[in-house]
Amino acid sequence: LAGGIATNIIQDGVKTDITAPTIMQGNTTLTGYEKALH
């Protein structure tokens, strides 16, 4: 999915690279970001 997104948005001139996936299992809380979209 991330690779597909990167391929799709390059057509709009947005250059990105992606990291390897990290699996999260169990009670996980993420913080420390500026903005988040759901």
PDB file of all heavy atoms in Angstrom:
ATOM      1  N   LEU A   1       0.829  -1.206   0.000  1.00  0.00           N
ATOM      2  CA  LEU A   1       0.000   0.000   0.000  1.00  0.00           C
ATOM      3  C   LEU A   1       0.867   1.261   0.000  1.00  0.00           C
ATOM      4  O   LEU A   1       0.638   2.174  -0.799  1.00  0.00           O
ATOM      5  CB  LEU A   1      -0.937  -0.004   1.205  1.00  0.00           C
ATOM      6  CG  LEU A   1      -1.930   1.146   1.273  1.00  0.00           C
ATOM      7  CD1 LEU A   1      -2.829   1.181   0.044  1.00  0.00           C
ATOM      8  CD2 LEU A   1      -2.780   1.051   2.524  1.00  0.00           C
ATOM      9  N   ALA A   2       1.881   1.292   0.865  1.00  0.00           N
ATOM     10  CA  ALA A   2       2.764   2.469   0.914  1.00  0.00           C
ATOM     11  C   ALA A   2       3.507   2.653  -0.407  1.00  0.00           C
ATOM     12  O   ALA A   2       3.652   3.778  -0.901  1.00  0.00           O
ATOM     13  CB  ALA A   2       3.742   2.347   2.073  1.00  0.00           C
ATOM     14  N   GLY A   3       3.972   1.553  -0.996  1.00  0.00           N
ATOM     15  CA  GLY A   3       4.639   1.631  -2.306  1.00  0.00           C
ATOM     16  C   GLY A   3       3.690   2.120  -3.381  1.00  0.00           C
ATOM     17  O   GLY A   3       4.065   2.925  -4.239  1.00  0.00           O
ATOM     18  N   GLY A   4       2.440   1.642  -3.340  1.00  0.00           N
ATOM     19  CA  GLY A   4       1.426   2.107  -4.297  1.00  0.00           C
ATOM     20  C   GLY A   4       1.130   3.584  -4.138  1.00  0.00           C
ATOM     21  O   GLY A   4       0.987   4.316  -5.126  1.00  0.00           O
ATOM     22  N   ILE A   5       1.057   4.037  -2.896  1.00  0.00           N
ATOM     23  CA  ILE A   5       0.815   5.463  -2.642  1.00  0.00           C
ATOM     24  C   ILE A   5       1.971   6.288  -3.193  1.00  0.00           C
ATOM     25  O   ILE A   5       1.762   7.281  -3.895  1.00  0.00           O
ATOM     26  CB  ILE A   5       0.625   5.721  -1.130  1.00  0.00           C
ATOM     27  CG1 ILE A   5      -0.675   5.071  -0.641  1.00  0.00           C
ATOM     28  CG2 ILE A   5       0.619   7.219  -0.840  1.00  0.00           C
ATOM     29  CD1 ILE A   5      -0.798   5.010   0.876  1.00  0.00           C
ATOM     30  N   ALA A   6       3.204   5.869  -2.894  1.00  0.00           N
ATOM     31  CA  ALA A   6       4.376   6.606  -3.374  1.00  0.00           C
ATOM     32  C   ALA A   6       4.393   6.680  -4.903  1.00  0.00           C
ATOM     33  O   ALA A   6       4.712   7.720  -5.487  1.00  0.00           O
ATOM     34  CB  ALA A   6       5.657   5.945  -2.852  1.00  0.00           C
ATOM     35  N   THR A   7       4.020   5.582  -5.552  1.00  0.00           N
ATOM     36  CA  THR A   7       3.960   5.554  -7.011  1.00  0.00           C
ATOM     37  C   THR A   7       2.869   6.485  -7.532  1.00  0.00           C
ATOM     38  O   THR A   7       3.079   7.201  -8.518  1.00  0.00           O
ATOM     39  CB  THR A   7       3.692   4.112  -7.500  1.00  0.00           C
ATOM     40  OG1 THR A   7       4.761   3.278  -7.054  1.00  0.00           O
ATOM     41  CG2 THR A   7       3.592   4.048  -9.013  1.00  0.00           C
ATOM     42  N   ASN A   8       1.714   6.501  -6.872  1.00  0.00           N
ATOM     43  CA  ASN A   8       0.605   7.347  -7.316  1.00  0.00           C
ATOM     44  C   ASN A   8       0.903   8.830  -7.138  1.00  0.00           C
ATOM     45  O   ASN A   8       0.568   9.639  -8.003  1.00  0.00           O
ATOM     46  CB  ASN A   8      -0.681   6.991  -6.572  1.00  0.00           C
ATOM     47  CG  ASN A   8      -1.257   5.663  -7.013  1.00  0.00           C
ATOM     48  OD1 ASN A   8      -1.132   5.271  -8.170  1.00  0.00           O
ATOM     49  ND2 ASN A   8      -1.878   4.957  -6.090  1.00  0.00           N
ATOM     50  N   ILE A   9       1.523   9.217  -6.025  1.00  0.00           N
ATOM     51  CA  ILE A   9       1.692  10.651  -5.755  1.00  0.00           C
ATOM     52  C   ILE A   9       2.870  11.264  -6.496  1.00  0.00           C
ATOM     53  O   ILE A   9       2.924  12.484  -6.623  1.00  0.00           O
ATOM     54  CB  ILE A   9       1.764  10.952  -4.240  1.00  0.00           C
ATOM     55  CG1 ILE A   9       3.004  10.326  -3.608  1.00  0.00           C
ATOM     56  CG2 ILE A   9       0.492  10.485  -3.549  1.00  0.00           C
ATOM     57  CD1 ILE A   9       3.182  10.678  -2.140  1.00  0.00           C
ATOM     58  N   ILE A  10       3.786  10.445  -6.996  1.00  0.00           N
ATOM     59  CA  ILE A  10       4.886  11.009  -7.783  1.00  0.00           C
ATOM     60  C   ILE A  10       4.333  11.689  -9.034  1.00  0.00           C
ATOM     61  O   ILE A  10       4.912  12.648  -9.535  1.00  0.00           O
ATOM     62  CB  ILE A  10       5.961   9.947  -8.133  1.00  0.00           C
ATOM     63  CG1 ILE A  10       7.237  10.602  -8.656  1.00  0.00           C
ATOM     64  CG2 ILE A  10       5.450   8.960  -9.154  1.00  0.00           C
ATOM     65  CD1 ILE A  10       8.040  11.306  -7.614  1.00  0.00           C
ATOM     66  N   GLN A  11       3.169  11.226  -9.494  1.00  0.00           N
ATOM     67  CA  GLN A  11       2.522  11.849 -10.654  1.00  0.00           C
ATOM     68  C   GLN A  11       2.090  13.288 -10.357  1.00  0.00           C
ATOM     69  O   GLN A  11       1.942  14.092 -11.260  1.00  0.00           O
ATOM     70  CB  GLN A  11       1.325  11.020 -11.099  1.00  0.00           C
ATOM     71  CG  GLN A  11       1.721   9.640 -11.561  1.00  0.00           C
ATOM     72  CD  GLN A  11       0.526   8.709 -11.737  1.00  0.00           C
ATOM     73  OE1 GLN A  11      -0.622   9.112 -11.663  1.00  0.00           O
ATOM     74  NE2 GLN A  11       0.805   7.439 -11.984  1.00  0.00           N
ATOM     75  N   ASP A  12       1.892  13.600  -9.065  1.00  0.00           N
ATOM     76  CA  ASP A  12       1.554  14.964  -8.653  1.00  0.00           C
ATOM     77  C   ASP A  12       2.803  15.752  -8.271  1.00  0.00           C
ATOM     78  O   ASP A  12       2.714  16.858  -7.737  1.00  0.00           O
ATOM     79  CB  ASP A  12       0.593  14.939  -7.447  1.00  0.00           C
ATOM     80  CG  ASP A  12      -0.768  14.371  -7.809  1.00  0.00           C
ATOM     81  OD1 ASP A  12      -1.164  14.466  -8.993  1.00  0.00           O
ATOM     82  OD2 ASP A  12      -1.441  13.842  -6.909  1.00  0.00           O
ATOM     83  N   GLY A  13       3.966  15.159  -8.488  1.00  0.00           N
ATOM     84  CA  GLY A  13       5.213  15.846  -8.177  1.00  0.00           C
ATOM     85  C   GLY A  13       5.636  15.718  -6.721  1.00  0.00           C
ATOM     86  O   GLY A  13       6.531  16.424  -6.273  1.00  0.00           O
ATOM     87  N   VAL A  14       5.006  14.824  -5.964  1.00  0.00           N
ATOM     88  CA  VAL A  14       5.345  14.631  -4.554  1.00  0.00           C
ATOM     89  C   VAL A  14       6.304  13.446  -4.456  1.00  0.00           C
ATOM     90  O   VAL A  14       5.944  12.323  -4.792  1.00  0.00           O
ATOM     91  CB  VAL A  14       4.081  14.363  -3.698  1.00  0.00           C
ATOM     92  CG1 VAL A  14       4.455  14.167  -2.239  1.00  0.00           C
ATOM     93  CG2 VAL A  14       3.075  15.489  -3.855  1.00  0.00           C
ATOM     94  N   LYS A  15       7.527  13.736  -4.010  1.00  0.00           N
ATOM     95  CA  LYS A  15       8.542  12.686  -3.906  1.00  0.00           C
ATOM     96  C   LYS A  15       8.594  12.174  -2.474  1.00  0.00           C
ATOM     97  O   LYS A  15       8.702  12.955  -1.532  1.00  0.00           O
ATOM     98  CB  LYS A  15       9.894  13.243  -4.317  1.00  0.00           C
ATOM     99  CG  LYS A  15       9.943  13.663  -5.771  1.00  0.00           C
ATOM    100  CD  LYS A  15      11.301  14.228  -6.133  1.00  0.00           C
ATOM    101  CE  LYS A  15      11.266  14.759  -7.537  1.00  0.00           C
ATOM    102  NZ  LYS A  15      11.312  16.206  -7.594  1.00  0.00           N
ATOM    103  N   THR A  16       8.507  10.845  -2.332  1.00  0.00           N
ATOM    104  CA  THR A  16       8.584  10.234  -1.011  1.00  0.00           C
ATOM    105  C   THR A  16       9.401   8.959  -1.090  1.00  0.00           C
ATOM    106  O   THR A  16       9.624   8.406  -2.158  1.00  0.00           O
ATOM    107  CB  THR A  16       7.189   9.872  -0.454  1.00  0.00           C
ATOM    108  OG1 THR A  16       6.554   8.965  -1.355  1.00  0.00           O
ATOM    109  CG2 THR A  16       6.327  11.092  -0.253  1.00  0.00           C
ATOM    110  N   ASP A  17       9.806   8.509   0.066  1.00  0.00           N
ATOM    111  CA  ASP A  17      10.424   7.204   0.207  1.00  0.00           C
ATOM    112  C   ASP A  17       9.783   6.579   1.438  1.00  0.00           C
ATOM    113  O   ASP A  17       9.262   7.285   2.307  1.00  0.00           O
ATOM    114  CB  ASP A  17      11.938   7.335   0.391  1.00  0.00           C
ATOM    115  CG  ASP A  17      12.674   6.051   0.042  1.00  0.00           C
ATOM    116  OD1 ASP A  17      12.026   5.083  -0.404  1.00  0.00           O
ATOM    117  OD2 ASP A  17      13.903   6.011   0.229  1.00  0.00           O
ATOM    118  N   ILE A  18       9.804   5.257   1.510  1.00  0.00           N
ATOM    119  CA  ILE A  18       9.154   4.568   2.621  1.00  0.00           C
ATOM    120  C   ILE A  18      10.134   3.661   3.335  1.00  0.00           C
ATOM    121  O   ILE A  18      11.108   3.207   2.747  1.00  0.00           O
ATOM    122  CB  ILE A  18       7.921   3.762   2.144  1.00  0.00           C
ATOM    123  CG1 ILE A  18       8.311   2.708   1.104  1.00  0.00           C
ATOM    124  CG2 ILE A  18       6.837   4.696   1.616  1.00  0.00           C
ATOM    125  CD1 ILE A  18       7.184   1.765   0.692  1.00  0.00           C
ATOM    126  N   THR A  19       9.859   3.419   4.611  1.00  0.00           N
ATOM    127  CA  THR A  19      10.679   2.508   5.393  1.00  0.00           C
ATOM    128  C   THR A  19      10.069   1.111   5.353  1.00  0.00           C
ATOM    129  O   THR A  19       8.943   0.930   4.898  1.00  0.00           O
ATOM    130  CB  THR A  19      10.766   2.956   6.863  1.00  0.00           C
ATOM    131  OG1 THR A  19       9.467   2.850   7.462  1.00  0.00           O
ATOM    132  CG2 THR A  19      11.277   4.393   6.976  1.00  0.00           C
ATOM    133  N   ALA A  20      10.802   0.157   5.854  1.00  0.00           N
ATOM    134  CA  ALA A  20      10.272  -1.202   5.993  1.00  0.00           C
ATOM    135  C   ALA A  20       9.125  -1.176   7.009  1.00  0.00           C
ATOM    136  O   ALA A  20       9.122  -0.355   7.925  1.00  0.00           O
ATOM    137  CB  ALA A  20      11.378  -2.139   6.466  1.00  0.00           C
ATOM    138  N   PRO A  21       8.159  -2.074   6.866  1.00  0.00           N
ATOM    139  CA  PRO A  21       7.016  -2.074   7.781  1.00  0.00           C
ATOM    140  C   PRO A  21       7.391  -2.572   9.180  1.00  0.00           C
ATOM    141  O   PRO A  21       8.262  -3.422   9.341  1.00  0.00           O
ATOM    142  CB  PRO A  21       6.033  -3.043   7.119  1.00  0.00           C
ATOM    143  CG  PRO A  21       6.841  -3.892   6.211  1.00  0.00           C
ATOM    144  CD  PRO A  21       8.033  -3.079   5.810  1.00  0.00           C
ATOM    145  N   THR A  22       6.715  -1.999  10.180  1.00  0.00           N
ATOM    146  CA  THR A  22       6.825  -2.424  11.568  1.00  0.00           C
ATOM    147  C   THR A  22       5.454  -2.908  12.006  1.00  0.00           C
ATOM    148  O   THR A  22       4.466  -2.177  11.873  1.00  0.00           O
ATOM    149  CB  THR A  22       7.269  -1.251  12.470  1.00  0.00           C
ATOM    150  OG1 THR A  22       8.545  -0.799  12.039  1.00  0.00           O
ATOM    151  CG2 THR A  22       7.336  -1.670  13.929  1.00  0.00           C
ATOM    152  N   ILE A  23       5.375  -4.134  12.512  1.00  0.00           N
ATOM    153  CA  ILE A  23       4.108  -4.688  12.994  1.00  0.00           C
ATOM    154  C   ILE A  23       3.928  -4.272  14.449  1.00  0.00           C
ATOM    155  O   ILE A  23       4.858  -4.390  15.254  1.00  0.00           O
ATOM    156  CB  ILE A  23       4.106  -6.237  12.912  1.00  0.00           C
ATOM    157  CG1 ILE A  23       4.393  -6.703  11.494  1.00  0.00           C
ATOM    158  CG2 ILE A  23       2.790  -6.810  13.419  1.00  0.00           C
ATOM    159  CD1 ILE A  23       3.383  -6.294  10.475  1.00  0.00           C
ATOM    160  N   MET A  24       2.738  -3.800  14.772  1.00  0.00           N
ATOM    161  CA  MET A  24       2.406  -3.418  16.145  1.00  0.00           C
ATOM    162  C   MET A  24       1.313  -4.351  16.647  1.00  0.00           C
ATOM    163  O   MET A  24       0.255  -4.440  16.028  1.00  0.00           O
ATOM    164  CB  MET A  24       1.949  -1.967  16.196  1.00  0.00           C
ATOM    165  CG  MET A  24       3.019  -0.990  15.737  1.00  0.00           C
ATOM    166  SD  MET A  24       2.448   0.709  15.664  1.00  0.00           S
ATOM    167  CE  MET A  24       1.292   0.612  14.312  1.00  0.00           C
ATOM    168  N   GLN A  25       1.593  -5.062  17.745  1.00  0.00           N
ATOM    169  CA  GLN A  25       0.624  -5.978  18.332  1.00  0.00           C
ATOM    170  C   GLN A  25       0.504  -5.673  19.816  1.00  0.00           C
ATOM    171  O   GLN A  25       1.487  -5.369  20.471  1.00  0.00           O
ATOM    172  CB  GLN A  25       1.069  -7.432  18.160  1.00  0.00           C
ATOM    173  CG  GLN A  25       1.050  -7.894  16.728  1.00  0.00           C
ATOM    174  CD  GLN A  25       1.530  -9.326  16.578  1.00  0.00           C
ATOM    175  OE1 GLN A  25       2.664  -9.629  16.908  1.00  0.00           O
ATOM    176  NE2 GLN A  25       0.665 -10.192  16.092  1.00  0.00           N
ATOM    177  N   GLY A  26      -0.710  -5.775  20.334  1.00  0.00           N
ATOM    178  CA  GLY A  26      -0.939  -5.493  21.744  1.00  0.00           C
ATOM    179  C   GLY A  26      -1.328  -4.048  21.944  1.00  0.00           C
ATOM    180  O   GLY A  26      -1.505  -3.286  20.990  1.00  0.00           O
ATOM    181  N   ASN A  27      -1.469  -3.655  23.167  1.00  0.00           N
ATOM    182  CA  ASN A  27      -1.919  -2.306  23.505  1.00  0.00           C
ATOM    183  C   ASN A  27      -0.832  -1.294  23.148  1.00  0.00           C
ATOM    184  O   ASN A  27       0.174  -1.187  23.838  1.00  0.00           O
ATOM    185  CB  ASN A  27      -2.261  -2.249  24.992  1.00  0.00           C
ATOM    186  CG  ASN A  27      -3.023  -1.003  25.350  1.00  0.00           C
ATOM    187  OD1 ASN A  27      -3.623  -0.367  24.494  1.00  0.00           O
ATOM    188  ND2 ASN A  27      -3.004  -0.648  26.620  1.00  0.00           N
ATOM    189  N   THR A  28      -1.015  -0.575  22.047  1.00  0.00           N
ATOM    190  CA  THR A  28      -0.015   0.358  21.531  1.00  0.00           C
ATOM    191  C   THR A  28      -0.572   1.774  21.520  1.00  0.00           C
ATOM    192  O   THR A  28      -1.699   1.999  21.097  1.00  0.00           O
ATOM    193  CB  THR A  28       0.389  -0.029  20.086  1.00  0.00           C
ATOM    194  OG1 THR A  28       0.821  -1.388  20.079  1.00  0.00           O
ATOM    195  CG2 THR A  28       1.494   0.857  19.567  1.00  0.00           C
ATOM    196  N   THR A  29       0.230   2.724  22.000  1.00  0.00           N
ATOM    197  CA  THR A  29      -0.134   4.138  21.966  1.00  0.00           C
ATOM    198  C   THR A  29       0.972   4.888  21.236  1.00  0.00           C
ATOM    199  O   THR A  29       2.149   4.711  21.552  1.00  0.00           O
ATOM    200  CB  THR A  29      -0.294   4.708  23.387  1.00  0.00           C
ATOM    201  OG1 THR A  29      -1.314   3.975  24.068  1.00  0.00           O
ATOM    202  CG2 THR A  29      -0.685   6.185  23.344  1.00  0.00           C
ATOM    203  N   LEU A  30       0.587   5.696  20.260  1.00  0.00           N
ATOM    204  CA  LEU A  30       1.545   6.514  19.521  1.00  0.00           C
ATOM    205  C   LEU A  30       1.259   7.988  19.801  1.00  0.00           C
ATOM    206  O   LEU A  30       0.102   8.425  19.769  1.00  0.00           O
ATOM    207  CB  LEU A  30       1.428   6.254  18.019  1.00  0.00           C
ATOM    208  CG  LEU A  30       1.756   4.834  17.576  1.00  0.00           C
ATOM    209  CD1 LEU A  30       1.354   4.633  16.126  1.00  0.00           C
ATOM    210  CD2 LEU A  30       3.217   4.543  17.751  1.00  0.00           C
ATOM    211  N   THR A  31       2.317   8.754  20.057  1.00  0.00           N
ATOM    212  CA  THR A  31       2.211  10.193  20.278  1.00  0.00           C
ATOM    213  C   THR A  31       3.405  10.855  19.606  1.00  0.00           C
ATOM    214  O   THR A  31       4.253  10.178  19.035  1.00  0.00           O
ATOM    215  CB  THR A  31       2.228  10.529  21.791  1.00  0.00           C
ATOM    216  OG1 THR A  31       3.461  10.057  22.346  1.00  0.00           O
ATOM    217  CG2 THR A  31       1.059   9.907  22.528  1.00  0.00           C
ATOM    218  N   GLY A  32       3.483  12.189  19.679  1.00  0.00           N
ATOM    219  CA  GLY A  32       4.666  12.899  19.197  1.00  0.00           C
ATOM    220  C   GLY A  32       4.602  13.348  17.757  1.00  0.00           C
ATOM    221  O   GLY A  32       5.618  13.699  17.182  1.00  0.00           O
ATOM    222  N   TYR A  33       3.434  13.351  17.171  1.00  0.00           N
ATOM    223  CA  TYR A  33       3.303  13.829  15.796  1.00  0.00           C
ATOM    224  C   TYR A  33       2.666  15.210  15.831  1.00  0.00           C
ATOM    225  O   TYR A  33       2.030  15.608  16.794  1.00  0.00           O
ATOM    226  CB  TYR A  33       2.459  12.859  14.959  1.00  0.00           C
ATOM    227  CG  TYR A  33       1.219  12.350  15.661  1.00  0.00           C
ATOM    228  CD1 TYR A  33       0.040  13.100  15.657  1.00  0.00           C
ATOM    229  CD2 TYR A  33       1.222  11.139  16.342  1.00  0.00           C
ATOM    230  CE1 TYR A  33      -1.090  12.648  16.317  1.00  0.00           C
ATOM    231  CE2 TYR A  33       0.095  10.677  16.996  1.00  0.00           C
ATOM    232  CZ  TYR A  33      -1.053  11.438  16.980  1.00  0.00           C
ATOM    233  OH  TYR A  33      -2.170  10.989  17.631  1.00  0.00           O
ATOM    234  N   GLU A  34       2.866  15.948  14.736  1.00  0.00           N
ATOM    235  CA  GLU A  34       2.327  17.311  14.664  1.00  0.00           C
ATOM    236  C   GLU A  34       0.828  17.306  14.363  1.00  0.00           C
ATOM    237  O   GLU A  34       0.046  17.973  15.031  1.00  0.00           O
ATOM    238  CB  GLU A  34       3.076  18.098  13.593  1.00  0.00           C
ATOM    239  CG  GLU A  34       2.689  19.562  13.542  1.00  0.00           C
ATOM    240  CD  GLU A  34       3.463  20.307  12.474  1.00  0.00           C
ATOM    241  OE1 GLU A  34       4.680  20.091  12.348  1.00  0.00           O
ATOM    242  OE2 GLU A  34       2.827  21.103  11.753  1.00  0.00           O
ATOM    243  N   LYS A  35       0.440  16.576  13.338  1.00  0.00           N
ATOM    244  CA  LYS A  35      -0.970  16.456  12.948  1.00  0.00           C
ATOM    245  C   LYS A  35      -1.219  15.016  12.531  1.00  0.00           C
ATOM    246  O   LYS A  35      -0.314  14.325  12.099  1.00  0.00           O
ATOM    247  CB  LYS A  35      -1.303  17.360  11.762  1.00  0.00           C
ATOM    248  CG  LYS A  35      -1.417  18.829  12.079  1.00  0.00           C
ATOM    249  CD  LYS A  35      -2.024  19.546  10.900  1.00  0.00           C
ATOM    250  CE  LYS A  35      -1.974  21.012  10.959  1.00  0.00           C
ATOM    251  NZ  LYS A  35      -2.645  21.765  11.891  1.00  0.00           N
ATOM    252  N   ALA A  36      -2.490  14.622  12.635  1.00  0.00           N
ATOM    253  CA  ALA A  36      -2.825  13.257  12.227  1.00  0.00           C
ATOM    254  C   ALA A  36      -4.187  13.234  11.551  1.00  0.00           C
ATOM    255  O   ALA A  36      -5.133  13.887  12.012  1.00  0.00           O
ATOM    256  CB  ALA A  36      -2.831  12.332  13.434  1.00  0.00           C
ATOM    257  N   LEU A  37      -4.265  12.498  10.453  1.00  0.00           N
ATOM    258  CA  LEU A  37      -5.528  12.290   9.753  1.00  0.00           C
ATOM    259  C   LEU A  37      -5.934  10.837   9.911  1.00  0.00           C
ATOM    260  O   LEU A  37      -5.096   9.933   9.822  1.00  0.00           O
ATOM    261  CB  LEU A  37      -5.368  12.603   8.266  1.00  0.00           C
ATOM    262  CG  LEU A  37      -5.155  14.058   7.905  1.00  0.00           C
ATOM    263  CD1 LEU A  37      -4.814  14.186   6.430  1.00  0.00           C
ATOM    264  CD2 LEU A  37      -6.386  14.865   8.219  1.00  0.00           C
ATOM    265  N   HIS A  38      -7.216  10.630  10.128  1.00  0.00           N
ATOM    266  CA  HIS A  38      -7.785   9.289  10.264  1.00  0.00           C
ATOM    267  C   HIS A  38      -8.694   9.061   9.067  1.00  0.00           C
ATOM    268  O   HIS A  38      -9.597   9.857   8.810  1.00  0.00           O
ATOM    269  CB  HIS A  38      -8.568   9.204  11.579  1.00  0.00           C
ATOM    270  CG  HIS A  38      -9.318   7.923  11.739  1.00  0.00           C
ATOM    271  ND1 HIS A  38     -10.466   7.852  12.483  1.00  0.00           N
ATOM    272  CD2 HIS A  38      -9.099   6.671  11.275  1.00  0.00           C
ATOM    273  CE1 HIS A  38     -10.922   6.613  12.466  1.00  0.00           C
ATOM    274  NE2 HIS A  38     -10.105   5.880  11.731  1.00  0.00           N
TER     275      HIS A  38
END
